C-alpha atoms as a PDB file:
ATOM      1  CA  MET A   1      14.686  70.191  20.619  1.00  0.00           C
ATOM      2  CA  ILE A   2      13.890  66.800  21.098  1.00  0.00           C
ATOM      3  CA  ASP A   3      10.236  65.932  19.715  1.00  0.00           C
ATOM      4  CA  PRO A   4       8.472  63.924  22.477  1.00  0.00           C
ATOM      5  CA  VAL A   5       6.378  62.430  19.605  1.00  0.00           C
ATOM      6  CA  ASP A   6       9.006  61.297  18.304  1.00  0.00           C
ATOM      7  CA  VAL A   7      10.505  59.810  21.342  1.00  0.00           C
ATOM      8  CA  ASP A   8       7.386  58.225  21.678  1.00  0.00           C
ATOM      9  CA  LEU A   9       7.316  56.832  18.101  1.00  0.00           C
ATOM     10  CA  ASN A  10      11.002  55.426  18.771  1.00  0.00           C
ATOM     11  CA  ARG A  11      10.447  53.669  21.366  1.00  0.00           C
ATOM     12  CA  HIS A  12       7.121  52.148  20.309  1.00  0.00           C
ATOM     13  CA  LEU A  13       9.357  50.590  16.596  1.00  0.00           C
ATOM     14  CA  ASN A  14      11.692  49.620  18.918  1.00  0.00           C
ATOM     15  CA  GLN A  15       9.695  47.278  21.038  1.00  0.00           C
ATOM     16  CA  LEU A  16       7.915  46.093  17.627  1.00  0.00           C
ATOM     17  CA  ASP A  17      11.392  45.745  16.367  1.00  0.00           C
ATOM     18  CA  ARG A  18      12.121  43.502  19.406  1.00  0.00           C
ATOM     19  CA  GLN A  19       9.326  41.582  19.929  1.00  0.00           C
ATOM     20  CA  ASP A  20       9.558  40.607  15.693  1.00  0.00           C
ATOM     21  CA  ALA A  21      13.118  39.292  16.681  1.00  0.00           C
ATOM     22  CA  ARG A  22      12.002  37.328  19.593  1.00  0.00           C
ATOM     23  CA  SER A  23       9.274  35.764  17.714  1.00  0.00           C
ATOM     24  CA  GLU A  24      11.537  34.896  15.003  1.00  0.00           C
ATOM     25  CA  ALA A  25      13.647  33.643  17.595  1.00  0.00           C
ATOM     26  CA  GLU A  26      10.579  30.854  19.644  1.00  0.00           C
ATOM     27  CA  ASP A  27      10.021  30.146  15.937  1.00  0.00           C
ATOM     28  CA  GLU A  28      13.344  29.284  15.309  1.00  0.00           C
ATOM     29  CA  LYS A  29      13.391  27.032  18.429  1.00  0.00           C
ATOM     30  CA  VAL A  30      10.572  25.425  17.733  1.00  0.00           C
ATOM     31  CA  GLU A  31      11.965  24.262  13.902  1.00  0.00           C
ATOM     32  CA  GLU A  32      14.702  23.458  16.456  1.00  0.00           C
ATOM     33  CA  TRP A  33      12.907  21.269  18.127  1.00  0.00           C
ATOM     34  CA  LEU A  34      10.681  19.664  15.617  1.00  0.00           C
ATOM     35  CA  ALA A  35      13.879  18.144  13.943  1.00  0.00           C
ATOM     36  CA  ASP A  36      14.974  16.417  17.264  1.00  0.00           C
ATOM     37  CA  ARG A  37      12.363  12.853  17.517  1.00  0.00           C
ATOM     38  CA  ALA A  38      13.487  12.433  21.225  1.00  0.00           C
ATOM     39  CA  LEU A  39      11.186  15.873  22.099  1.00  0.00           C
ATOM     40  CA  VAL A  40       8.967  15.025  19.758  1.00  0.00           C
ATOM     41  CA  PHE A  41       8.374  11.748  21.573  1.00  0.00           C
ATOM     42  CA  GLU A  42       8.376  13.695  24.764  1.00  0.00           C
ATOM     43  CA  ALA A  43       5.309  15.637  23.423  1.00  0.00           C
ATOM     44  CA  LEU A  44       3.784  13.318  21.997  1.00  0.00           C
ATOM     45  CA  GLU A  45       3.437  11.466  25.089  1.00  0.00           C
ATOM     46  CA  ARG A  46       1.845  14.558  27.032  1.00  0.00           C
ATOM     47  CA  MET A  47      -0.407  15.150  24.944  1.00  0.00           C
ATOM     48  CA  ALA A  48      -1.583  11.513  25.481  1.00  0.00           C
ATOM     49  CA  GLU A  49      -1.866  12.514  28.794  1.00  0.00           C
ATOM     50  CA  SER A  50      -4.653  14.667  27.744  1.00  0.00           C
ATOM     51  CA  ASP A  51      -7.675  14.347  25.750  1.00  0.00           C
ATOM     52  CA  LEU A  52      -7.218  12.095  22.322  1.00  0.00           C
ATOM     53  CA  THR A  53     -10.925  12.628  21.767  1.00  0.00           C
ATOM     54  CA  ASP A  54     -10.204  14.891  18.443  1.00  0.00           C
ATOM     55  CA  PHE A  55      -8.019  12.308  17.399  1.00  0.00           C
ATOM     56  CA  LEU A  56      -9.089   9.189  18.187  1.00  0.00           C
ATOM     57  CA  GLN A  57     -12.402  10.682  15.806  1.00  0.00           C
ATOM     58  CA  ILE A  58     -10.146  11.401  12.914  1.00  0.00           C
ATOM     59  CA  ALA A  59      -7.903   7.820  13.245  1.00  0.00           C
ATOM     60  CA  ALA A  60     -11.499   5.759  13.059  1.00  0.00           C
ATOM     61  CA  GLN A  61     -12.677   7.656  10.012  1.00  0.00           C
ATOM     62  CA  ALA A  62      -9.205   6.746   8.527  1.00  0.00           C
ATOM     63  CA  ILE A  63      -9.128   3.063   9.819  1.00  0.00           C
ATOM     64  CA  VAL A  64     -13.300   2.862   8.028  1.00  0.00           C
ATOM     65  CA  ALA A  65     -12.654   4.582   5.022  1.00  0.00           C
ATOM     66  CA  LYS A  66     -12.760   1.846   1.766  1.00  0.00           C
ATOM     67  CA  ASP A  67     -11.425   4.752  -0.725  1.00  0.00           C
ATOM     68  CA  LEU A  68      -7.949   5.275  -0.597  1.00  0.00           C
ATOM     69  CA  GLU A  69      -7.653   8.506  -1.419  1.00  0.00           C
ATOM     70  CA  ILE A  70     -10.345   9.813   1.902  1.00  0.00           C
ATOM     71  CA  LYS A  71      -7.833   6.942   4.125  1.00  0.00           C
ATOM     72  CA  GLN A  72      -5.134   9.538   3.067  1.00  0.00           C
ATOM     73  CA  LYS A  73      -6.402  12.379   3.308  1.00  0.00           C
ATOM     74  CA  THR A  74      -7.826  11.164   6.834  1.00  0.00           C
ATOM     75  CA  GLU A  75      -4.122   9.829   7.846  1.00  0.00           C
ATOM     76  CA  ALA A  76      -2.811  13.009   7.455  1.00  0.00           C
ATOM     77  CA  ARG A  77      -5.261  15.312   9.152  1.00  0.00           C
ATOM     78  CA  ALA A  78      -4.641  12.990  11.968  1.00  0.00           C
ATOM     79  CA  ILE A  79      -0.837  13.283  11.488  1.00  0.00           C
ATOM     80  CA  GLY A  80      -1.789  16.891  11.014  1.00  0.00           C
ATOM     81  CA  TRP A  81      -3.258  17.280  14.179  1.00  0.00           C
ATOM     82  CA  LEU A  82      -0.176  15.489  16.008  1.00  0.00           C
ATOM     83  CA  GLU A  83       1.459  17.932  14.547  1.00  0.00           C
ATOM     84  CA  ASP A  84      -0.156  20.920  15.678  1.00  0.00           C
ATOM     85  CA  GLY A  85      -0.346  19.719  19.069  1.00  0.00           C
ATOM     86  CA  VAL A  86       3.289  19.058  19.146  1.00  0.00           C
ATOM     87  CA  ARG A  87       4.169  22.427  17.733  1.00  0.00           C
ATOM     88  CA  GLU A  88       1.386  24.476  20.485  1.00  0.00           C
ATOM     89  CA  ILE A  89       3.529  22.373  23.221  1.00  0.00           C
ATOM     90  CA  PHE A  90       7.063  23.550  21.895  1.00  0.00           C
ATOM     91  CA  ARG A  91       5.395  27.260  21.350  1.00  0.00           C
ATOM     92  CA  SER A  92       4.033  27.376  24.826  1.00  0.00           C
ATOM     93  CA  LYS A  93       8.328  26.279  25.834  1.00  0.00           C
ATOM     94  CA  ALA A  94       9.626  28.631  23.108  1.00  0.00           C
ATOM     95  CA  GLY A  95       9.396  31.941  24.980  1.00  0.00           C
ATOM     96  CA  PRO A  96      11.401  30.725  28.306  1.00  0.00           C
ATOM     97  CA  ALA A  97      13.587  29.136  27.023  1.00  0.00           C
ATOM     98  CA  VAL A  98      14.719  32.335  24.170  1.00  0.00           C
ATOM     99  CA  GLU A  99      14.441  34.097  27.089  1.00  0.00           C
ATOM    100  CA  ALA A 100      16.694  31.869  28.883  1.00  0.00           C
ATOM    101  CA  ASP A 101      19.275  32.126  26.147  1.00  0.00           C
ATOM    102  CA  GLU A 102      18.683  35.890  26.336  1.00  0.00           C
ATOM    103  CA  ARG A 103      20.164  36.099  29.636  1.00  0.00           C
ATOM    104  CA  GLN A 104      23.069  33.984  29.262  1.00  0.00           C
ATOM    105  CA  SER A 105      23.948  35.271  25.793  1.00  0.00           C
ATOM    106  CA  GLU A 106      24.053  38.541  27.877  1.00  0.00           C
ATOM    107  CA  ILE A 107      26.020  36.826  31.210  1.00  0.00           C
ATOM    108  CA  ASP A 108      28.557  35.600  28.623  1.00  0.00           C
ATOM    109  CA  GLN A 109      29.254  39.196  27.127  1.00  0.00           C
ATOM    110  CA  GLY A 110      29.471  40.759  30.173  1.00  0.00           C
ATOM    111  CA  GLU A 111      32.023  38.364  31.222  1.00  0.00           C
ATOM    112  CA  ALA A 112      33.711  39.030  28.071  1.00  0.00           C
ATOM    113  CA  GLU A 113      33.608  43.021  28.662  1.00  0.00           C
ATOM    114  CA  MET A 114      35.019  41.974  32.347  1.00  0.00           C
ATOM    115  CA  GLU A 115      37.986  40.148  30.901  1.00  0.00           C
ATOM    116  CA  ALA A 116      39.048  42.394  27.682  1.00  0.00           C
ATOM    117  CA  HIS A 117      38.755  45.295  30.827  1.00  0.00           C
ATOM    118  CA  GLN A 118      41.029  42.757  33.523  1.00  0.00           C
ATOM    119  CA  ALA A 119      43.825  41.983  30.619  1.00  0.00           C
ATOM    120  CA  ARG A 120      43.829  46.402  29.351  1.00  0.00           C
ATOM    121  CA  LEU A 121      44.659  46.773  33.976  1.00  0.00           C
ATOM    122  CA  GLU A 122      46.427  44.006  33.942  1.00  0.00           C
ATOM    123  CA  ASP A 123      48.705  45.085  30.145  1.00  0.00           C
ATOM    124  CA  PRO A 124      47.145  48.397  29.550  1.00  0.00           C
ATOM    125  CA  MET A 125      49.889  48.835  26.781  1.00  0.00           C
ATOM    126  CA  PRO A 126      50.473  45.806  24.929  1.00  0.00           C
ATOM    127  CA  GLY A 127      53.087  45.440  22.536  1.00  0.00           C
ATOM    128  CA  GLU A 128      55.173  48.119  23.784  1.00  0.00           C
ATOM    129  CA  TYR A 129      58.605  46.318  25.174  1.00  0.00           C
END
């Protein structure tokens, strides 16, 4: 007899596995996009259309800093702020992109199965001539 608790537990574990796989796929998509200079530029342009007060304050600190070490740390902070913003933009787009990839993969798999089925119908006994 099947235990309903086991069924619920297995369903929950399967759901967690799917969520983990999707999260990994989204992370991979973000990293892929971060390697594309044109996409990063587009994301930076999008950020430029929003409030840049935090970035400008960090940049101002870097400009007025007299100590080279402080200047370098502040510049690194500014680049980090920009990278975080780009990652956030990419992360917001990764979910729908992964969903589209999954749908296309399902469509491709279905088409391959249909083609294989059609081939079996056309030649049910290959090599039997």
